N, C-alpha and C. Protein backbone atom coordinates (compact mmCIF):
# COMPACT_ATOMS: atom_id res chain seq x y z
N UNK A 1 -24.32 -10.58 -43.11
CA UNK A 1 -24.14 -10.11 -44.54
C UNK A 1 -23.92 -11.40 -44.89
N UNK A 2 -24.26 -12.83 -44.49
CA UNK A 2 -23.71 -14.42 -44.81
C UNK A 2 -22.75 -14.86 -44.39
N UNK A 3 -21.98 -13.88 -43.96
CA UNK A 3 -20.80 -14.37 -43.28
C UNK A 3 -20.41 -15.41 -42.53
N UNK A 4 -19.70 -16.64 -42.37
CA UNK A 4 -19.63 -17.48 -41.07
C UNK A 4 -18.55 -16.93 -40.29
N UNK A 5 -19.10 -16.50 -38.96
CA UNK A 5 -17.75 -15.71 -38.10
C UNK A 5 -17.41 -16.83 -37.02
N UNK A 6 -16.82 -17.06 -36.57
CA UNK A 6 -15.84 -18.02 -35.52
C UNK A 6 -14.70 -17.30 -34.54
N UNK A 7 -15.04 -17.83 -33.66
CA UNK A 7 -13.85 -17.02 -32.03
C UNK A 7 -13.22 -18.35 -31.78
N UNK A 8 -12.19 -18.83 -32.54
CA UNK A 8 -11.25 -19.52 -31.77
C UNK A 8 -10.19 -19.01 -30.94
N UNK A 9 -9.88 -19.91 -29.92
CA UNK A 9 -9.08 -19.62 -28.95
C UNK A 9 -7.83 -19.52 -29.32
N UNK A 10 -7.24 -18.30 -29.09
CA UNK A 10 -5.44 -18.29 -29.15
C UNK A 10 -4.51 -18.63 -27.95
N UNK A 11 -5.25 -18.26 -26.50
CA UNK A 11 -4.58 -18.08 -25.68
C UNK A 11 -4.99 -18.24 -24.42
N UNK A 12 -4.80 -19.40 -23.63
CA UNK A 12 -5.81 -19.23 -22.23
C UNK A 12 -4.61 -19.49 -21.28
N UNK A 13 -5.24 -18.55 -19.84
CA UNK A 13 -4.27 -19.22 -18.91
C UNK A 13 -4.99 -19.32 -17.66
N UNK A 14 -4.66 -19.75 -16.81
CA UNK A 14 -5.38 -20.06 -15.63
C UNK A 14 -4.47 -20.22 -14.23
N UNK A 15 -4.62 -19.28 -13.05
CA UNK A 15 -3.95 -19.56 -11.81
C UNK A 15 -4.70 -20.14 -10.75
N UNK A 16 -4.47 -21.38 -10.18
CA UNK A 16 -5.16 -21.61 -9.19
C UNK A 16 -4.62 -21.56 -7.75
N UNK A 17 -5.57 -20.89 -6.90
CA UNK A 17 -5.51 -20.06 -6.01
C UNK A 17 -5.46 -21.29 -4.61
N UNK A 18 -7.09 -21.64 -4.62
CA UNK A 18 -6.70 -22.72 -3.53
C UNK A 18 -8.04 -23.89 -3.93
N UNK A 19 -8.28 -24.64 -3.46
CA UNK A 19 -8.88 -26.14 -4.31
C UNK A 19 -9.93 -26.03 -3.76
N UNK A 20 -10.97 -26.69 -4.68
CA UNK A 20 -12.32 -26.89 -4.36
C UNK A 20 -12.61 -28.16 -4.71
N UNK A 21 -13.27 -28.75 -4.12
CA UNK A 21 -14.12 -30.39 -4.12
C UNK A 21 -15.00 -30.72 -5.14
N UNK A 22 -15.28 -31.55 -5.44
CA UNK A 22 -16.04 -32.23 -6.46
C UNK A 22 -17.77 -31.98 -5.36
N UNK A 23 -18.36 -31.03 -6.66
CA UNK A 23 -19.96 -30.62 -6.20
C UNK A 23 -20.14 -29.59 -5.72
N UNK A 24 -18.84 -28.47 -5.06
CA UNK A 24 -18.74 -27.29 -4.95
C UNK A 24 -19.62 -26.54 -5.91
N UNK A 25 -19.84 -25.63 -5.44
CA UNK A 25 -20.63 -24.56 -6.82
C UNK A 25 -19.31 -23.44 -6.38
N UNK A 26 -19.38 -23.36 -7.96
CA UNK A 26 -18.12 -22.03 -8.04
C UNK A 26 -18.68 -21.16 -8.78
N UNK A 27 -19.12 -20.29 -8.16
CA UNK A 27 -19.21 -18.86 -9.21
C UNK A 27 -18.13 -18.12 -10.36
N UNK A 28 -18.17 -17.83 -11.38
CA UNK A 28 -17.83 -17.30 -12.23
C UNK A 28 -17.57 -15.81 -12.77
N UNK A 29 -16.71 -14.53 -12.04
CA UNK A 29 -17.19 -13.73 -12.91
C UNK A 29 -16.88 -13.23 -14.09
N UNK A 30 -17.21 -13.09 -15.39
CA UNK A 30 -16.51 -13.08 -16.71
C UNK A 30 -16.67 -11.46 -17.03
N UNK A 31 -15.45 -10.84 -17.52
CA UNK A 31 -15.04 -9.78 -17.86
C UNK A 31 -14.43 -9.17 -19.30
N UNK A 32 -14.86 -8.61 -19.64
CA UNK A 32 -14.31 -8.12 -20.98
C UNK A 32 -12.64 -7.31 -20.70
N UNK A 33 -11.46 -7.87 -20.77
CA UNK A 33 -10.51 -7.13 -20.27
C UNK A 33 -9.74 -6.13 -21.33
N UNK A 34 -9.77 -6.54 -22.73
CA UNK A 34 -9.38 -6.06 -23.68
C UNK A 34 -9.60 -6.39 -25.07
N UNK A 35 -10.79 -5.30 -26.07
CA UNK A 35 -10.92 -5.39 -27.32
C UNK A 35 -10.09 -4.53 -28.34
N UNK A 36 -9.45 -5.59 -28.70
CA UNK A 36 -8.61 -5.61 -29.65
C UNK A 36 -9.42 -5.12 -31.19
N UNK A 37 -8.41 -4.82 -32.06
CA UNK A 37 -9.12 -4.78 -33.41
C UNK A 37 -9.58 -5.95 -33.82
N UNK A 38 -9.14 -7.19 -33.83
CA UNK A 38 -9.31 -8.73 -34.15
C UNK A 38 -9.65 -9.65 -32.95
N UNK A 39 -9.36 -9.08 -32.02
CA UNK A 39 -9.30 -10.09 -31.02
C UNK A 39 -10.38 -9.56 -29.51
N UNK A 40 -10.64 -10.40 -28.81
CA UNK A 40 -11.23 -10.18 -27.47
C UNK A 40 -10.46 -10.98 -26.51
N UNK A 41 -10.15 -10.21 -25.07
CA UNK A 41 -9.41 -10.96 -24.20
C UNK A 41 -10.18 -10.87 -23.12
N UNK A 42 -10.89 -11.68 -22.15
CA UNK A 42 -11.95 -12.05 -21.63
C UNK A 42 -11.04 -12.77 -20.34
N UNK A 43 -11.56 -11.69 -18.94
CA UNK A 43 -11.15 -12.49 -18.00
C UNK A 43 -11.85 -13.01 -16.85
N UNK A 44 -11.64 -13.84 -16.17
CA UNK A 44 -12.28 -14.83 -15.27
C UNK A 44 -11.68 -14.87 -13.78
N UNK A 45 -12.74 -14.54 -13.07
CA UNK A 45 -12.48 -14.76 -11.49
C UNK A 45 -13.34 -15.71 -11.22
N UNK A 46 -13.10 -16.65 -10.55
CA UNK A 46 -13.74 -18.19 -10.16
C UNK A 46 -13.57 -18.04 -8.04
N UNK A 47 -14.78 -18.22 -7.88
CA UNK A 47 -14.97 -17.80 -6.00
C UNK A 47 -15.75 -19.08 -5.79
N UNK A 48 -15.36 -19.41 -4.79
CA UNK A 48 -16.48 -20.32 -3.87
C UNK A 48 -16.67 -19.68 -2.48
N UNK A 49 -18.16 -20.17 -1.94
CA UNK A 49 -18.38 -19.30 -0.99
C UNK A 49 -17.67 -17.80 -0.50
N UNK A 50 -17.49 -17.30 -1.56
CA UNK A 50 -17.33 -15.69 -1.88
C UNK A 50 -15.97 -15.62 -1.91
N UNK A 51 -14.85 -16.93 -1.61
CA UNK A 51 -13.48 -16.98 -1.40
C UNK A 51 -13.01 -16.86 -2.86
N UNK A 52 -11.76 -16.66 -3.45
CA UNK A 52 -11.47 -16.42 -4.87
C UNK A 52 -10.61 -17.91 -4.80
N UNK A 53 -10.60 -18.92 -5.91
CA UNK A 53 -10.12 -19.80 -5.75
C UNK A 53 -9.10 -19.88 -7.36
N UNK A 54 -9.38 -19.41 -7.81
CA UNK A 54 -8.86 -19.14 -9.52
C UNK A 54 -9.13 -17.96 -9.91
N UNK A 55 -8.20 -17.62 -10.71
CA UNK A 55 -8.21 -16.32 -11.80
C UNK A 55 -7.38 -16.86 -13.06
N UNK A 56 -7.97 -16.46 -14.23
CA UNK A 56 -7.86 -16.84 -15.73
C UNK A 56 -8.39 -15.63 -16.38
N UNK A 57 -7.93 -15.93 -17.84
CA UNK A 57 -8.17 -15.27 -18.93
C UNK A 57 -8.00 -16.05 -20.47
N UNK A 58 -8.98 -16.00 -21.33
CA UNK A 58 -8.87 -16.38 -22.64
C UNK A 58 -8.81 -15.32 -23.77
N UNK A 59 -7.87 -15.42 -24.57
CA UNK A 59 -8.21 -14.23 -25.89
C UNK A 59 -8.41 -15.46 -26.95
N UNK A 60 -9.59 -14.55 -27.61
CA UNK A 60 -10.35 -15.18 -28.66
C UNK A 60 -9.91 -14.35 -29.98
N UNK A 61 -9.37 -14.71 -31.23
CA UNK A 61 -9.75 -13.90 -32.55
C UNK A 61 -11.02 -14.34 -33.11
N UNK A 62 -11.10 -12.98 -33.71
CA UNK A 62 -12.65 -13.32 -34.79
C UNK A 62 -12.10 -13.73 -36.13
N UNK A 63 -12.76 -14.37 -36.62
CA UNK A 63 -12.34 -15.34 -37.84
C UNK A 63 -13.51 -15.11 -38.64
N UNK A 64 -13.19 -15.41 -39.79
CA UNK A 64 -14.30 -15.65 -41.14
C UNK A 64 -13.84 -17.33 -41.54
N UNK A 65 -15.43 -17.74 -41.60
CA UNK A 65 -14.65 -19.12 -42.11
C UNK A 65 -14.85 -19.24 -43.92
N UNK A 66 -13.80 -19.35 -44.13
CA UNK A 66 -13.64 -19.18 -46.00
C UNK A 66 -13.18 -20.42 -46.73
N UNK A 67 -13.57 -21.11 -47.27
CA UNK A 67 -13.47 -22.51 -47.96
C UNK A 67 -12.28 -23.38 -46.60
N UNK A 68 -13.48 -23.62 -45.66
CA UNK A 68 -13.00 -24.42 -44.77
C UNK A 68 -11.76 -24.23 -43.83
N UNK A 69 -11.28 -22.75 -44.29
CA UNK A 69 -10.29 -22.10 -43.53
C UNK A 69 -10.38 -20.87 -42.32
N UNK A 70 -9.77 -20.89 -41.78
CA UNK A 70 -10.32 -19.61 -40.73
C UNK A 70 -9.25 -18.47 -41.15
N UNK A 71 -9.98 -16.80 -41.33
CA UNK A 71 -9.49 -15.72 -41.88
C UNK A 71 -9.61 -14.87 -40.96
N UNK A 72 -8.48 -14.21 -40.30
CA UNK A 72 -8.90 -13.57 -39.07
C UNK A 72 -9.21 -11.90 -39.79
N UNK A 73 -10.35 -11.76 -39.26
CA UNK A 73 -10.94 -10.29 -39.29
C UNK A 73 -11.16 -9.41 -38.80
N UNK A 74 -11.19 -8.05 -39.02
CA UNK A 74 -11.63 -7.24 -38.11
C UNK A 74 -13.02 -7.17 -37.23
N UNK A 75 -13.33 -7.09 -35.93
CA UNK A 75 -14.73 -7.66 -35.21
C UNK A 75 -15.79 -6.62 -35.86
N UNK A 76 -16.88 -7.41 -36.35
CA UNK A 76 -17.42 -6.33 -37.19
C UNK A 76 -18.25 -5.72 -35.97
N UNK A 77 -18.64 -4.55 -36.62
CA UNK A 77 -19.59 -3.33 -35.92
C UNK A 77 -20.66 -3.85 -35.26
N UNK A 78 -21.62 -4.51 -35.91
CA UNK A 78 -22.37 -4.83 -35.12
C UNK A 78 -22.41 -5.88 -33.78
N UNK A 79 -21.32 -6.53 -33.96
CA UNK A 79 -20.42 -7.18 -32.61
C UNK A 79 -20.02 -6.50 -31.77
N UNK A 80 -19.22 -5.50 -32.59
CA UNK A 80 -17.95 -4.34 -31.38
C UNK A 80 -18.79 -3.64 -30.76
N UNK A 81 -20.34 -3.15 -31.23
CA UNK A 81 -20.58 -2.13 -30.75
C UNK A 81 -21.62 -2.63 -29.10
N UNK A 82 -21.49 -3.88 -29.21
CA UNK A 82 -22.31 -4.23 -28.19
C UNK A 82 -21.11 -4.87 -26.99
N UNK A 83 -20.43 -4.98 -27.07
CA UNK A 83 -18.87 -5.00 -26.21
C UNK A 83 -18.52 -3.92 -25.31
N UNK A 84 -18.22 -3.88 -24.40
CA UNK A 84 -17.80 -2.92 -23.17
C UNK A 84 -16.44 -3.61 -22.66
N UNK A 85 -15.66 -2.99 -22.50
CA UNK A 85 -14.33 -3.40 -21.76
C UNK A 85 -14.56 -2.79 -20.31
N UNK A 86 -13.87 -3.76 -19.51
CA UNK A 86 -14.01 -3.17 -18.15
C UNK A 86 -12.62 -3.43 -17.88
N UNK A 87 -12.18 -2.82 -16.80
CA UNK A 87 -10.70 -3.30 -16.00
C UNK A 87 -10.50 -4.36 -15.52
N UNK A 88 -9.28 -4.97 -15.43
CA UNK A 88 -9.57 -6.31 -14.51
C UNK A 88 -9.40 -6.55 -13.34
N UNK A 89 -10.07 -6.86 -12.67
CA UNK A 89 -9.61 -6.76 -10.83
C UNK A 89 -8.72 -7.17 -10.69
N UNK A 90 -7.99 -6.59 -10.02
CA UNK A 90 -6.72 -7.33 -9.22
C UNK A 90 -6.91 -7.60 -8.34
N UNK A 91 -6.27 -8.63 -7.37
CA UNK A 91 -6.53 -8.29 -5.85
C UNK A 91 -4.70 -9.01 -5.32
N UNK A 92 -3.46 -8.15 -5.99
CA UNK A 92 -2.50 -8.50 -5.75
C UNK A 92 -2.15 -7.14 -4.75
């Protein structure tokens, strides 16, 4: 409908488990851990050679750009209908 929508990050965490070195190939598994009314929380699991090396998450708010300001809005249905939540995988 002509709205300009953006997703600023409002929270980010990362726990480092094992070191990796320069030029190591790292795989990243991305999941949607939570779909709120106005935000999404993504989970990340980083692995190297099949071994988990880090785990984190990022929460982003759905915002409309209005007169050079960000206004939090409900996630539009045309976006929300394409998002599936997945249970976070924990190795605790």
